[in-house]
C-alpha atoms as a PDB file:
ATOM      1  CA  UNK A   1     -77.301 -47.824 -34.778  1.00  0.00           C
ATOM      2  CA  UNK A   2     -80.116 -49.688 -36.437  1.00  0.00           C
ATOM      3  CA  UNK A   3     -83.711 -49.300 -35.396  1.00  0.00           C
ATOM      4  CA  UNK A   4     -86.129 -52.186 -34.913  1.00  0.00           C
ATOM      5  CA  UNK A   5     -89.894 -52.202 -34.924  1.00  0.00           C
ATOM      6  CA  UNK A   6     -91.352 -54.697 -32.455  1.00  0.00           C
ATOM      7  CA  UNK A   7     -94.983 -55.505 -33.362  1.00  0.00           C
ATOM      8  CA  UNK A   8     -96.975 -56.914 -30.449  1.00  0.00           C
ATOM      9  CA  UNK A   9     -99.300 -59.722 -31.715  1.00  0.00           C
ATOM     10  CA  UNK A  10    -102.289 -60.674 -29.613  1.00  0.00           C
ATOM     11  CA  UNK A  11    -105.511 -62.648 -29.908  1.00  0.00           C
ATOM     12  CA  UNK A  12    -107.608 -59.583 -29.351  1.00  0.00           C
ATOM     13  CA  UNK A  13    -110.552 -61.145 -27.559  1.00  0.00           C
ATOM     14  CA  UNK A  14    -108.394 -63.316 -25.298  1.00  0.00           C
ATOM     15  CA  UNK A  15    -106.485 -60.569 -23.455  1.00  0.00           C
ATOM     16  CA  UNK A  16    -108.322 -59.281 -20.431  1.00  0.00           C
ATOM     17  CA  UNK A  17    -106.536 -56.985 -17.990  1.00  0.00           C
ATOM     18  CA  UNK A  18    -108.648 -58.386 -15.138  1.00  0.00           C
ATOM     19  CA  UNK A  19    -106.754 -61.704 -15.619  1.00  0.00           C
ATOM     20  CA  UNK A  20    -103.353 -60.068 -15.111  1.00  0.00           C
ATOM     21  CA  UNK A  21    -101.611 -60.890 -11.852  1.00  0.00           C
ATOM     22  CA  UNK A  22    -101.219 -58.014  -9.360  1.00  0.00           C
ATOM     23  CA  UNK A  23     -97.583 -57.300 -10.156  1.00  0.00           C
ATOM     24  CA  UNK A  24     -97.957 -57.082 -13.969  1.00  0.00           C
ATOM     25  CA  UNK A  25     -98.218 -53.318 -14.353  1.00  0.00           C
ATOM     26  CA  UNK A  26     -95.401 -52.717 -11.897  1.00  0.00           C
ATOM     27  CA  UNK A  27     -93.159 -55.192 -13.786  1.00  0.00           C
ATOM     28  CA  UNK A  28     -93.972 -53.541 -17.091  1.00  0.00           C
ATOM     29  CA  UNK A  29     -93.387 -50.074 -15.773  1.00  0.00           C
ATOM     30  CA  UNK A  30     -89.976 -51.167 -14.423  1.00  0.00           C
ATOM     31  CA  UNK A  31     -88.991 -52.686 -17.756  1.00  0.00           C
ATOM     32  CA  UNK A  32     -90.062 -49.600 -19.662  1.00  0.00           C
ATOM     33  CA  UNK A  33     -88.130 -47.376 -17.248  1.00  0.00           C
ATOM     34  CA  UNK A  34     -85.016 -49.568 -17.736  1.00  0.00           C
ATOM     35  CA  UNK A  35     -85.228 -49.714 -21.493  1.00  0.00           C
ATOM     36  CA  UNK A  36     -85.794 -45.903 -21.647  1.00  0.00           C
ATOM     37  CA  UNK A  37     -82.833 -45.206 -19.381  1.00  0.00           C
ATOM     38  CA  UNK A  38     -80.729 -47.491 -21.573  1.00  0.00           C
ATOM     39  CA  UNK A  39     -81.529 -45.202 -24.562  1.00  0.00           C
ATOM     40  CA  UNK A  40     -83.102 -48.035 -26.520  1.00  0.00           C
ATOM     41  CA  UNK A  41     -86.775 -47.167 -26.465  1.00  0.00           C
ATOM     42  CA  UNK A  42     -87.642 -44.476 -29.083  1.00  0.00           C
ATOM     43  CA  UNK A  43     -91.439 -44.900 -28.948  1.00  0.00           C
ATOM     44  CA  UNK A  44     -94.138 -47.317 -27.808  1.00  0.00           C
ATOM     45  CA  UNK A  45     -97.824 -47.531 -27.619  1.00  0.00           C
ATOM     46  CA  UNK A  46    -100.764 -49.953 -27.485  1.00  0.00           C
ATOM     47  CA  UNK A  47    -103.296 -49.703 -30.287  1.00  0.00           C
ATOM     48  CA  UNK A  48    -107.101 -49.261 -29.991  1.00  0.00           C
ATOM     49  CA  UNK A  49    -109.243 -52.352 -30.730  1.00  0.00           C
ATOM     50  CA  UNK A  50    -109.875 -53.412 -34.273  1.00  0.00           C
ATOM     51  CA  UNK A  51    -113.553 -52.571 -33.774  1.00  0.00           C
ATOM     52  CA  UNK A  52    -112.419 -48.941 -34.041  1.00  0.00           C
ATOM     53  CA  UNK A  53    -110.262 -49.452 -37.178  1.00  0.00           C
ATOM     54  CA  UNK A  54    -110.518 -49.567 -40.939  1.00  0.00           C
ATOM     55  CA  UNK A  55    -108.566 -51.682 -43.371  1.00  0.00           C
ATOM     56  CA  UNK A  56    -107.853 -50.146 -46.761  1.00  0.00           C
ATOM     57  CA  UNK A  57    -106.899 -52.474 -49.622  1.00  0.00           C
ATOM     58  CA  UNK A  58    -105.520 -51.668 -53.059  1.00  0.00           C
ATOM     59  CA  UNK A  59    -106.448 -54.347 -55.590  1.00  0.00           C
ATOM     60  CA  UNK A  60    -106.955 -54.289 -59.340  1.00  0.00           C
ATOM     61  CA  UNK A  61    -106.505 -50.483 -59.372  1.00  0.00           C
ATOM     62  CA  UNK A  62    -109.302 -49.906 -56.849  1.00  0.00           C
ATOM     63  CA  UNK A  63    -109.455 -49.100 -53.124  1.00  0.00           C
ATOM     64  CA  UNK A  64    -111.745 -51.036 -50.792  1.00  0.00           C
ATOM     65  CA  UNK A  65    -112.536 -50.249 -47.197  1.00  0.00           C
ATOM     66  CA  UNK A  66    -113.465 -52.669 -44.446  1.00  0.00           C
ATOM     67  CA  UNK A  67    -114.444 -51.420 -40.993  1.00  0.00           C
ATOM     68  CA  UNK A  68    -113.538 -53.512 -37.943  1.00  0.00           C
ATOM     69  CA  UNK A  69    -113.905 -55.655 -36.053  1.00  0.00           C
ATOM     70  CA  UNK A  70    -112.308 -58.175 -38.335  1.00  0.00           C
ATOM     71  CA  UNK A  71    -113.962 -61.504 -37.223  1.00  0.00           C
ATOM     72  CA  UNK A  72    -111.951 -63.535 -39.753  1.00  0.00           C
ATOM     73  CA  UNK A  73    -108.748 -62.423 -38.128  1.00  0.00           C
ATOM     74  CA  UNK A  74    -107.576 -64.333 -35.095  1.00  0.00           C
ATOM     75  CA  UNK A  75    -104.297 -62.516 -34.386  1.00  0.00           C
ATOM     76  CA  UNK A  76    -103.880 -58.722 -34.565  1.00  0.00           C
ATOM     77  CA  UNK A  77    -101.176 -56.160 -33.923  1.00  0.00           C
ATOM     78  CA  UNK A  78    -102.103 -54.791 -30.477  1.00  0.00           C
ATOM     79  CA  UNK A  79     -99.146 -52.420 -29.985  1.00  0.00           C
ATOM     80  CA  UNK A  80     -95.647 -51.612 -31.068  1.00  0.00           C
ATOM     81  CA  UNK A  81     -92.233 -50.422 -29.848  1.00  0.00           C
ATOM     82  CA  UNK A  82     -89.592 -48.667 -31.874  1.00  0.00           C
ATOM     83  CA  UNK A  83     -86.111 -49.595 -30.456  1.00  0.00           C
ATOM     84  CA  UNK A  84     -82.618 -48.464 -31.333  1.00  0.00           C
ATOM     85  CA  UNK A  85     -80.228 -51.313 -30.617  1.00  0.00           C
ATOM     86  CA  UNK A  86     -76.676 -52.162 -31.507  1.00  0.00           C
ATOM     87  CA  UNK A  87     -77.850 -55.262 -33.400  1.00  0.00           C
ATOM     88  CA  UNK A  88     -80.670 -57.729 -33.937  1.00  0.00           C
ATOM     89  CA  UNK A  89     -79.567 -59.879 -30.994  1.00  0.00           C
ATOM     90  CA  UNK A  90     -80.025 -56.954 -28.568  1.00  0.00           C
ATOM     91  CA  UNK A  91     -83.430 -56.212 -30.034  1.00  0.00           C
ATOM     92  CA  UNK A  92     -84.444 -59.859 -29.547  1.00  0.00           C
ATOM     93  CA  UNK A  93     -83.203 -59.787 -25.986  1.00  0.00           C
ATOM     94  CA  UNK A  94     -85.405 -56.834 -25.104  1.00  0.00           C
ATOM     95  CA  UNK A  95     -88.298 -58.462 -26.909  1.00  0.00           C
ATOM     96  CA  UNK A  96     -87.760 -61.631 -24.827  1.00  0.00           C
ATOM     97  CA  UNK A  97     -87.744 -59.612 -21.598  1.00  0.00           C
ATOM     98  CA  UNK A  98     -90.914 -57.805 -22.659  1.00  0.00           C
ATOM     99  CA  UNK A  99     -92.780 -61.145 -23.194  1.00  0.00           C
ATOM    100  CA  UNK A 100     -91.546 -62.606 -19.957  1.00  0.00           C
ATOM    101  CA  UNK A 101     -93.248 -59.755 -17.965  1.00  0.00           C
ATOM    102  CA  UNK A 102     -96.713 -60.873 -19.150  1.00  0.00           C
ATOM    103  CA  UNK A 103     -99.000 -63.202 -17.204  1.00  0.00           C
ATOM    104  CA  UNK A 104     -98.355 -66.864 -18.013  1.00  0.00           C
ATOM    105  CA  UNK A 105    -101.929 -67.430 -19.003  1.00  0.00           C
ATOM    106  CA  UNK A 106    -101.831 -64.812 -21.839  1.00  0.00           C
ATOM    107  CA  UNK A 107    -100.770 -65.550 -25.458  1.00  0.00           C
ATOM    108  CA  UNK A 108     -98.643 -62.632 -26.687  1.00  0.00           C
ATOM    109  CA  UNK A 109     -96.154 -62.726 -29.569  1.00  0.00           C
ATOM    110  CA  UNK A 110     -93.711 -60.254 -31.023  1.00  0.00           C
ATOM    111  CA  UNK A 111     -92.403 -59.719 -34.502  1.00  0.00           C
ATOM    112  CA  UNK A 112     -89.116 -57.906 -34.479  1.00  0.00           C
ATOM    113  CA  UNK A 113     -88.134 -56.281 -37.771  1.00  0.00           C
ATOM    114  CA  UNK A 114     -85.294 -54.027 -38.604  1.00  0.00           C
ATOM    115  CA  UNK A 115     -86.268 -50.641 -40.104  1.00  0.00           C
ATOM    116  CA  UNK A 116     -84.930 -50.281 -43.677  1.00  0.00           C
ATOM    117  CA  UNK A 117     -82.887 -47.086 -43.401  1.00  0.00           C
ATOM    118  CA  UNK A 118     -82.091 -47.131 -47.140  1.00  0.00           C
ATOM    119  CA  UNK A 119     -85.338 -47.799 -48.936  1.00  0.00           C
ATOM    120  CA  UNK A 120     -84.947 -48.086 -52.668  1.00  0.00           C
ATOM    121  CA  UNK A 121     -81.145 -48.355 -52.465  1.00  0.00           C
END
């Protein structure tokens, strides 16, 4: 079965857990339990803030390093999930359900991409 990487995209400075409704963590926990029992979730985690990260760029044969936060960047990857699904439609359905758990006043996006199991082939 194919694997899919779901990248959680957020506006880093606009997500504040204090604005989450009281049932948010319970809903998220129930969804994670369901997706794990279904054998779909392989791995998931949130990511530390960009203020604690470094971007490394290869350009013109040289490496450059930029320490966060990245003020020029509005949207960042805030977390990920690695899913094993029968097809893209199933991966998108789980992604939809993940987004619907979030508070309505938050802006959260997902990028769902199939893992290339045959690189270079």
